[in-house]
Amino acid sequence: MMRRHFVMALMLALGACTTVVPPLATTPPPSSLGPFGQAVGANVEPAPPPSEWWRLFDDPRSMDISRALAVNTDIRVALANL
């Protein structure tokens, strides 16, 4: 009888150790975002890139992109879907 009570008490004690308390919901302070998170206009959407963005690099090899877009139907379809 004493052993049964000891086993029950031990099970209850071990069961109490498995209780998980959910963490409190917290929000980070503004200082944790660094200088970029506090900048004026930080939540503004960026402007879309120009239609021929590869020309910005001024690289003669990037002109191959123009040629590839002209002859490759898969790229045109992907661009239309985008």
N, C-alpha and C. Protein backbone atom coordinates (compact mmCIF):
# COMPACT_ATOMS: atom_id res chain seq x y z
N MET A 1 0.83 -1.19 0.00
CA MET A 1 0.00 0.00 0.00
C MET A 1 0.87 1.25 0.00
N MET A 2 1.90 1.23 0.83
CA MET A 2 2.81 2.37 0.92
C MET A 2 3.54 2.57 -0.40
N ARG A 3 3.89 1.44 -1.03
CA ARG A 3 4.60 1.52 -2.30
C ARG A 3 3.70 2.13 -3.37
N ARG A 4 2.42 1.81 -3.39
CA ARG A 4 1.47 2.34 -4.36
C ARG A 4 1.36 3.85 -4.20
N HIS A 5 1.30 4.34 -2.96
CA HIS A 5 1.23 5.78 -2.73
C HIS A 5 2.51 6.47 -3.18
N PHE A 6 3.63 5.80 -2.94
CA PHE A 6 4.91 6.38 -3.37
C PHE A 6 4.98 6.48 -4.89
N VAL A 7 4.51 5.45 -5.60
CA VAL A 7 4.52 5.46 -7.06
C VAL A 7 3.59 6.55 -7.58
N MET A 8 2.40 6.69 -6.99
CA MET A 8 1.47 7.73 -7.41
C MET A 8 2.05 9.12 -7.18
N ALA A 9 2.68 9.33 -6.02
CA ALA A 9 3.29 10.62 -5.73
C ALA A 9 4.44 10.90 -6.69
N LEU A 10 5.20 9.90 -7.02
CA LEU A 10 6.31 10.06 -7.96
C LEU A 10 5.78 10.40 -9.35
N MET A 11 4.70 9.77 -9.78
CA MET A 11 4.13 10.06 -11.09
C MET A 11 3.58 11.49 -11.13
N LEU A 12 2.94 11.92 -10.07
CA LEU A 12 2.43 13.28 -10.02
C LEU A 12 3.57 14.30 -10.04
N ALA A 13 4.63 14.01 -9.33
CA ALA A 13 5.77 14.93 -9.29
C ALA A 13 6.44 15.02 -10.66
N LEU A 14 6.60 13.89 -11.34
CA LEU A 14 7.21 13.91 -12.66
C LEU A 14 6.28 14.55 -13.68
N GLY A 15 5.00 14.36 -13.52
CA GLY A 15 4.04 14.99 -14.42
C GLY A 15 4.05 16.50 -14.29
N ALA A 16 4.29 17.00 -13.11
CA ALA A 16 4.36 18.45 -12.92
C ALA A 16 5.56 19.04 -13.62
N CYS A 17 6.61 18.26 -13.80
CA CYS A 17 7.81 18.76 -14.46
C CYS A 17 7.61 18.91 -15.97
N THR A 18 6.61 18.24 -16.52
CA THR A 18 6.42 18.30 -17.96
C THR A 18 5.47 19.41 -18.39
N THR A 19 4.96 20.16 -17.45
CA THR A 19 4.05 21.25 -17.80
C THR A 19 4.83 22.35 -18.49
N VAL A 20 4.34 22.77 -19.65
CA VAL A 20 5.02 23.81 -20.42
C VAL A 20 4.18 25.08 -20.36
N VAL A 21 4.80 26.14 -19.96
CA VAL A 21 4.13 27.43 -19.92
C VAL A 21 4.49 28.17 -21.21
N PRO A 22 3.49 28.60 -21.98
CA PRO A 22 3.81 29.32 -23.22
C PRO A 22 4.49 30.65 -22.91
N PRO A 23 5.46 31.03 -23.75
CA PRO A 23 6.15 32.30 -23.49
C PRO A 23 5.23 33.49 -23.73
N LEU A 24 5.53 34.55 -23.04
CA LEU A 24 4.75 35.77 -23.22
C LEU A 24 5.03 36.37 -24.59
N ALA A 25 4.00 36.89 -25.22
CA ALA A 25 4.17 37.54 -26.52
C ALA A 25 4.84 38.89 -26.30
N THR A 26 5.93 39.09 -26.98
CA THR A 26 6.65 40.35 -26.84
C THR A 26 6.90 40.96 -28.20
N THR A 27 7.06 42.23 -28.24
CA THR A 27 7.44 42.92 -29.47
C THR A 27 8.81 43.53 -29.25
N PRO A 28 9.66 43.46 -30.26
CA PRO A 28 11.00 44.01 -30.09
C PRO A 28 10.95 45.53 -29.98
N PRO A 29 11.81 46.09 -29.18
CA PRO A 29 11.85 47.55 -29.08
C PRO A 29 12.34 48.16 -30.40
N PRO A 30 11.94 49.40 -30.70
CA PRO A 30 12.38 50.02 -31.95
C PRO A 30 13.90 50.10 -32.08
N SER A 31 14.59 50.18 -30.97
CA SER A 31 16.06 50.28 -31.05
C SER A 31 16.69 49.00 -31.58
N SER A 32 15.97 47.86 -31.52
CA SER A 32 16.56 46.61 -31.99
C SER A 32 16.55 46.51 -33.51
N LEU A 33 15.81 47.38 -34.18
CA LEU A 33 15.76 47.35 -35.64
C LEU A 33 16.97 48.01 -36.27
N GLY A 34 17.73 48.73 -35.51
CA GLY A 34 18.90 49.39 -36.04
C GLY A 34 18.55 50.66 -36.80
N PRO A 35 19.52 51.28 -37.42
CA PRO A 35 19.26 52.54 -38.10
C PRO A 35 18.35 52.40 -39.31
N PHE A 36 18.30 51.22 -39.94
CA PHE A 36 17.49 51.07 -41.14
C PHE A 36 16.01 50.97 -40.80
N GLY A 37 15.68 50.38 -39.67
CA GLY A 37 14.29 50.24 -39.29
C GLY A 37 13.68 51.55 -38.83
N GLN A 38 14.54 52.49 -38.42
CA GLN A 38 14.04 53.77 -37.93
C GLN A 38 14.13 54.86 -38.98
N ALA A 39 14.66 54.54 -40.13
CA ALA A 39 14.85 55.54 -41.17
C ALA A 39 13.50 56.04 -41.67
N VAL A 40 13.46 57.26 -42.09
CA VAL A 40 12.24 57.83 -42.64
C VAL A 40 11.93 57.12 -43.95
N GLY A 41 10.72 56.68 -44.11
CA GLY A 41 10.33 55.98 -45.32
C GLY A 41 10.78 54.54 -45.36
N ALA A 42 11.09 53.94 -44.22
CA ALA A 42 11.58 52.57 -44.20
C ALA A 42 10.50 51.59 -44.64
N ASN A 43 9.24 51.94 -44.50
CA ASN A 43 8.16 51.04 -44.87
C ASN A 43 7.59 51.35 -46.24
N VAL A 44 8.29 52.11 -47.05
CA VAL A 44 7.83 52.48 -48.37
C VAL A 44 8.24 51.39 -49.36
N GLU A 45 7.34 51.03 -50.24
CA GLU A 45 7.65 50.04 -51.26
C GLU A 45 8.67 50.61 -52.24
N PRO A 46 9.66 49.80 -52.64
CA PRO A 46 10.64 50.30 -53.62
C PRO A 46 10.01 50.43 -55.00
N ALA A 47 10.60 51.29 -55.79
CA ALA A 47 10.11 51.49 -57.16
C ALA A 47 10.43 50.24 -57.99
N PRO A 48 9.58 49.87 -58.92
CA PRO A 48 9.89 48.71 -59.76
C PRO A 48 11.10 48.99 -60.64
N PRO A 49 11.83 47.95 -60.99
CA PRO A 49 13.00 48.16 -61.85
C PRO A 49 12.57 48.58 -63.24
N PRO A 50 13.45 49.25 -63.97
CA PRO A 50 13.12 49.61 -65.35
C PRO A 50 12.88 48.36 -66.19
N SER A 51 12.17 48.52 -67.29
CA SER A 51 11.83 47.36 -68.11
C SER A 51 13.07 46.68 -68.68
N GLU A 52 14.09 47.40 -69.01
CA GLU A 52 15.33 46.80 -69.51
C GLU A 52 16.45 47.05 -68.49
N TRP A 53 16.28 46.46 -67.31
CA TRP A 53 17.19 46.70 -66.20
C TRP A 53 18.62 46.28 -66.48
N TRP A 54 18.81 45.31 -67.37
CA TRP A 54 20.17 44.83 -67.65
C TRP A 54 21.01 45.88 -68.35
N ARG A 55 20.42 46.87 -68.97
CA ARG A 55 21.19 47.93 -69.63
C ARG A 55 21.88 48.84 -68.60
N LEU A 56 21.41 48.82 -67.36
CA LEU A 56 22.02 49.65 -66.31
C LEU A 56 23.47 49.25 -66.04
N PHE A 57 23.83 47.99 -66.34
CA PHE A 57 25.18 47.51 -66.09
C PHE A 57 26.16 47.95 -67.17
N ASP A 58 25.66 48.41 -68.30
CA ASP A 58 26.49 48.87 -69.41
C ASP A 58 27.55 47.82 -69.78
N ASP A 59 27.08 46.60 -69.89
CA ASP A 59 27.95 45.49 -70.23
C ASP A 59 27.54 44.97 -71.61
N PRO A 60 28.48 44.89 -72.56
CA PRO A 60 28.11 44.43 -73.91
C PRO A 60 27.52 43.03 -73.91
N ARG A 61 27.93 42.19 -72.96
CA ARG A 61 27.38 40.83 -72.91
C ARG A 61 25.91 40.83 -72.48
N SER A 62 25.49 41.89 -71.77
CA SER A 62 24.10 41.92 -71.33
C SER A 62 23.15 42.20 -72.48
N MET A 63 23.66 42.64 -73.62
CA MET A 63 22.80 42.85 -74.76
C MET A 63 22.28 41.52 -75.30
N ASP A 64 22.94 40.42 -74.90
CA ASP A 64 22.45 39.10 -75.28
C ASP A 64 21.07 38.84 -74.68
N ILE A 65 20.75 39.48 -73.58
CA ILE A 65 19.44 39.33 -72.96
C ILE A 65 18.36 39.87 -73.89
N SER A 66 18.63 41.01 -74.52
CA SER A 66 17.66 41.56 -75.47
C SER A 66 17.42 40.59 -76.62
N ARG A 67 18.49 40.03 -77.12
CA ARG A 67 18.38 39.09 -78.23
C ARG A 67 17.65 37.82 -77.77
N ALA A 68 17.94 37.34 -76.57
CA ALA A 68 17.28 36.14 -76.06
C ALA A 68 15.79 36.38 -75.85
N LEU A 69 15.44 37.54 -75.36
CA LEU A 69 14.02 37.86 -75.18
C LEU A 69 13.28 37.91 -76.50
N ALA A 70 13.98 38.34 -77.54
CA ALA A 70 13.33 38.47 -78.85
C ALA A 70 13.06 37.11 -79.49
N VAL A 71 13.91 36.13 -79.27
CA VAL A 71 13.77 34.85 -79.98
C VAL A 71 13.27 33.71 -79.10
N ASN A 72 13.28 33.84 -77.79
CA ASN A 72 12.91 32.75 -76.91
C ASN A 72 11.47 32.94 -76.43
N THR A 73 10.60 32.08 -76.87
CA THR A 73 9.18 32.21 -76.50
C THR A 73 8.95 31.86 -75.03
N ASP A 74 9.75 30.97 -74.48
CA ASP A 74 9.58 30.61 -73.07
C ASP A 74 9.82 31.82 -72.17
N ILE A 75 10.84 32.60 -72.49
CA ILE A 75 11.13 33.79 -71.69
C ILE A 75 10.02 34.81 -71.84
N ARG A 76 9.48 34.96 -73.05
CA ARG A 76 8.36 35.91 -73.25
C ARG A 76 7.14 35.48 -72.47
N VAL A 77 6.87 34.18 -72.44
CA VAL A 77 5.72 33.69 -71.70
C VAL A 77 5.94 33.91 -70.20
N ALA A 78 7.14 33.62 -69.72
CA ALA A 78 7.45 33.82 -68.30
C ALA A 78 7.35 35.29 -67.95
N LEU A 79 7.83 36.16 -68.83
CA LEU A 79 7.75 37.61 -68.59
C LEU A 79 6.30 38.07 -68.59
N ALA A 80 5.48 37.52 -69.47
CA ALA A 80 4.06 37.87 -69.50
C ALA A 80 3.37 37.40 -68.22
N ASN A 81 3.75 36.23 -67.74
CA ASN A 81 3.15 35.72 -66.49
C ASN A 81 3.59 36.53 -65.29
N LEU A 82 4.81 37.02 -65.36
CA LEU A 82 5.33 37.82 -64.24
C LEU A 82 4.60 39.14 -64.20
